[in-house]
Amino acid sequence: MNKYSFITSFVIIATVFGAGFWFAYGGQSGTSHPPVPPITRIHALSDLATLRVQIADSISGNNEHWEVSWMLHGEAVLGVDLSLASYTSVDAQNRKATLSLPAPHVISSKVDHHRSAEIGVKQKTWLPSPGLKSLRDEVWLHADEKVARLANHDGYLQATKLQAERVLCKLFQDVDWSVSYEWQTAVEPSAKPIQVER
């Protein structure tokens, strides 16, 4: 059973966002009707990170001699690659634009080794048995992968979209344009079974 911790959302906006925007429009302070934000300025935001999530779950494995399990903690950052954004329509007369955006994705993920802890070790035989260390190592080879997979939860992806829209909406509002969004569908990766999980 998966357990998800409280989502702490935040907007990570690089200094280049503000600098690039004012570089593009700073000289137009006297213009009554500035144009739509150039797509190159949106591309300059690159991978816009908008959501950080804390993951809590379990991970386990077994071999011929041992069964082991851990409480797994990790962190992931999700965002949108704005270098792939494009305008699908621009209505200069009504100052409305439609922006096509790629599906959100996990930018980075990692295991929190300080908070993760072994919660169970069971030996299957009474005789001294090898293989415990190798089993532990095998399980932890998959821990980062599991954190990333759990971060791809629909709820987290939707929150990432919402935060990205808020950031972009502010950019358009500053030049008196309204914007709507078309989100592209993510390509589902092929599922790879993790043999050590139970």
Protein backbone atom coordinates (compact mmCIF):
# COMPACT_ATOMS: atom_id res chain seq x y z
CA MET A 1 0.00 0.00 0.00
CA ASN A 2 1.44 3.35 -1.00
CA LYS A 3 1.56 6.18 1.48
CA TYR A 4 2.09 9.72 0.27
CA SER A 5 3.30 12.53 2.45
CA PHE A 6 1.92 16.08 2.41
CA ILE A 7 2.67 17.90 -0.84
CA THR A 8 4.77 21.01 -0.39
CA SER A 9 4.43 23.02 -3.54
CA PHE A 10 6.65 25.85 -4.54
CA VAL A 11 7.62 27.79 -7.60
CA ILE A 12 11.31 27.76 -8.49
CA ILE A 13 11.74 30.65 -10.89
CA ALA A 14 15.31 31.29 -12.02
CA THR A 15 16.62 34.83 -11.99
CA VAL A 16 16.79 34.61 -15.76
CA PHE A 17 12.98 34.63 -15.84
CA GLY A 18 12.71 38.15 -14.50
CA ALA A 19 15.84 39.33 -16.23
CA GLY A 20 14.77 37.91 -19.58
CA PHE A 21 11.28 39.34 -19.31
CA TRP A 22 12.41 42.85 -18.51
CA PHE A 23 15.11 42.62 -21.16
CA ALA A 24 12.38 41.90 -23.70
CA TYR A 25 9.89 44.50 -22.46
CA GLY A 26 11.84 46.97 -20.37
CA GLY A 27 12.29 49.30 -23.31
CA GLN A 28 8.58 49.27 -24.08
CA SER A 29 7.33 51.04 -20.98
CA GLY A 30 5.80 53.72 -23.13
CA THR A 31 4.06 51.24 -25.44
CA SER A 32 0.33 51.13 -24.80
CA HIS A 33 -0.17 47.72 -26.43
CA PRO A 34 2.85 45.46 -26.00
CA PRO A 35 2.90 42.34 -28.16
CA VAL A 36 2.42 38.78 -27.00
CA PRO A 37 5.43 37.47 -25.02
CA PRO A 38 7.94 36.12 -27.54
CA ILE A 39 8.07 32.32 -27.57
CA THR A 40 11.85 32.58 -27.18
CA ARG A 41 11.31 34.14 -23.73
CA ILE A 42 9.14 31.24 -22.72
CA HIS A 43 11.72 28.80 -24.08
CA ALA A 44 14.34 30.56 -21.98
CA LEU A 45 12.61 29.31 -18.83
CA SER A 46 13.67 25.80 -19.89
CA ASP A 47 12.72 23.16 -17.30
CA LEU A 48 10.47 25.20 -15.03
CA ALA A 49 10.32 23.40 -11.68
CA THR A 50 7.00 24.07 -9.95
CA LEU A 51 6.42 21.26 -7.45
CA ARG A 52 8.43 19.43 -4.80
CA VAL A 53 6.96 16.31 -3.23
CA GLN A 54 7.94 14.14 -0.29
CA ILE A 55 7.48 10.41 -0.86
CA ALA A 56 6.94 7.77 1.83
CA ASP A 57 6.50 4.12 0.93
CA SER A 58 8.00 0.69 1.58
CA ILE A 59 10.38 -1.39 -0.48
CA SER A 60 11.23 -5.04 0.05
CA GLY A 61 12.91 -8.03 -1.48
CA ASN A 62 13.74 -11.66 -0.93
CA ASN A 63 16.05 -14.39 -2.11
CA GLU A 64 16.53 -18.05 -1.24
CA HIS A 65 17.62 -17.31 2.32
CA TRP A 66 16.35 -13.87 3.34
CA GLU A 67 13.41 -11.48 3.28
CA VAL A 68 14.07 -7.81 3.96
CA SER A 69 11.96 -4.64 3.97
CA TRP A 70 12.52 -0.91 4.47
CA MET A 71 10.50 2.21 5.04
CA LEU A 72 11.47 4.30 2.03
CA HIS A 73 11.56 8.10 2.08
CA GLY A 74 12.47 10.31 -0.85
CA GLU A 75 11.99 13.61 -2.58
CA ALA A 76 11.16 14.55 -6.15
CA VAL A 77 10.93 17.80 -8.11
CA LEU A 78 8.44 18.03 -10.98
CA GLY A 79 8.18 20.61 -13.70
CA VAL A 80 7.49 21.47 -17.33
CA ASP A 81 10.04 21.72 -20.15
CA LEU A 82 9.08 25.09 -21.57
CA SER A 83 11.70 24.81 -24.31
CA LEU A 84 9.05 22.65 -26.04
CA ALA A 85 6.24 25.20 -25.71
CA SER A 86 4.62 26.71 -28.82
CA TYR A 87 1.77 29.03 -29.73
CA THR A 88 -1.17 27.32 -31.41
CA SER A 89 -3.06 30.60 -31.86
CA VAL A 90 -2.43 34.31 -31.35
CA ASP A 91 -5.32 36.80 -31.58
CA ALA A 92 -3.65 40.21 -31.55
CA GLN A 93 -6.93 42.11 -31.87
CA ASN A 94 -8.44 40.56 -28.74
CA ARG A 95 -5.05 40.03 -27.07
CA LYS A 96 -5.59 36.32 -26.53
CA ALA A 97 -3.16 33.47 -27.08
CA THR A 98 -3.21 29.71 -26.77
CA LEU A 99 -0.04 28.00 -25.61
CA SER A 100 0.75 24.34 -26.22
CA LEU A 101 2.75 22.80 -23.40
CA PRO A 102 4.45 19.41 -23.01
CA ALA A 103 3.25 17.06 -20.30
CA PRO A 104 4.83 17.65 -16.88
CA HIS A 105 7.59 15.30 -15.82
CA VAL A 106 9.88 14.43 -12.92
CA ILE A 107 12.96 16.63 -13.19
CA SER A 108 14.86 14.97 -10.37
CA SER A 109 14.29 12.43 -7.63
CA LYS A 110 16.36 10.95 -4.85
CA VAL A 111 16.17 8.67 -1.83
CA ASP A 112 16.44 10.26 1.60
CA HIS A 113 18.85 7.79 3.18
CA HIS A 114 18.76 9.55 6.54
CA ARG A 115 15.02 9.02 6.97
CA SER A 116 14.78 5.63 5.25
CA ALA A 117 15.15 2.70 7.65
CA GLU A 118 15.20 -1.07 7.64
CA ILE A 119 12.02 -2.34 9.29
CA GLY A 120 12.29 -6.10 8.86
CA VAL A 121 14.79 -8.89 8.28
CA LYS A 122 13.66 -12.51 8.19
CA GLN A 123 15.91 -15.50 7.71
CA LYS A 124 14.24 -18.42 5.89
CA THR A 125 16.59 -21.11 7.14
CA TRP A 126 18.04 -22.03 10.52
CA LEU A 127 21.52 -22.54 9.15
CA PRO A 128 23.94 -19.64 8.69
CA SER A 129 23.10 -18.23 5.27
CA PRO A 130 24.91 -15.92 2.85
CA GLY A 131 23.34 -13.37 0.58
CA LEU A 132 21.91 -10.74 2.96
CA LYS A 133 24.26 -7.96 1.89
CA SER A 134 23.80 -8.69 -1.82
CA LEU A 135 20.01 -8.67 -1.38
CA ARG A 136 20.13 -5.32 0.42
CA ASP A 137 22.31 -3.89 -2.34
CA GLU A 138 19.94 -5.21 -5.02
CA VAL A 139 16.89 -3.66 -3.36
CA TRP A 140 18.52 -0.24 -3.03
CA LEU A 141 19.53 -0.27 -6.66
CA HIS A 142 15.79 0.14 -7.36
CA ALA A 143 14.98 2.67 -4.63
CA ASP A 144 15.58 5.79 -6.72
CA GLU A 145 13.52 4.29 -9.54
CA LYS A 146 10.63 3.67 -7.16
CA VAL A 147 10.70 7.24 -5.81
CA ALA A 148 10.58 8.58 -9.38
CA ARG A 149 7.71 6.27 -10.28
CA LEU A 150 5.66 7.28 -7.25
CA ALA A 151 6.29 10.96 -8.05
CA ASN A 152 4.53 10.39 -11.40
CA HIS A 153 1.23 10.09 -9.54
CA ASP A 154 -1.64 11.83 -11.36
CA GLY A 155 -2.29 14.16 -8.43
CA TYR A 156 1.28 15.44 -8.45
CA LEU A 157 1.24 15.88 -12.23
CA GLN A 158 -1.98 17.90 -12.08
CA ALA A 159 -0.55 20.12 -9.34
CA THR A 160 2.54 20.68 -11.48
CA LYS A 161 0.35 21.82 -14.39
CA LEU A 162 -1.58 24.22 -12.18
CA GLN A 163 1.56 25.83 -10.80
CA ALA A 164 3.08 26.20 -14.28
CA GLU A 165 -0.11 27.86 -15.54
CA ARG A 166 0.00 30.33 -12.66
CA VAL A 167 3.58 31.30 -13.46
CA LEU A 168 2.89 31.75 -17.17
CA CYS A 169 -0.38 33.58 -16.55
CA LYS A 170 1.51 36.27 -14.63
CA LEU A 171 3.86 36.74 -17.60
CA PHE A 172 0.90 37.36 -19.93
CA GLN A 173 -1.01 39.54 -17.47
CA ASP A 174 1.97 41.86 -17.18
CA VAL A 175 1.59 42.75 -20.88
CA ASP A 176 -2.21 42.76 -20.80
CA TRP A 177 -2.73 39.49 -22.66
CA SER A 178 -4.87 36.52 -21.68
CA VAL A 179 -3.70 32.96 -22.28
CA SER A 180 -5.23 29.50 -22.43
CA TYR A 181 -3.34 26.22 -22.40
CA GLU A 182 -3.31 23.01 -24.39
CA TRP A 183 -1.47 20.23 -22.58
CA GLN A 184 0.14 17.49 -24.60
CA THR A 185 -0.31 13.87 -23.58
CA ALA A 186 2.63 12.16 -21.97
CA VAL A 187 4.11 9.10 -23.64
CA GLU A 188 3.83 6.27 -21.15
CA PRO A 189 7.17 4.50 -20.59
CA SER A 190 7.29 0.75 -20.82
CA ALA A 191 6.81 -0.78 -17.39
CA LYS A 192 9.83 -2.66 -16.11
CA PRO A 193 9.09 -5.08 -13.31
CA ILE A 194 11.29 -4.85 -10.24
CA GLN A 195 11.90 -8.41 -9.23
CA VAL A 196 12.94 -7.64 -5.68
CA GLU A 197 9.65 -5.94 -4.77
CA ARG A 198 6.80 -7.74 -3.08
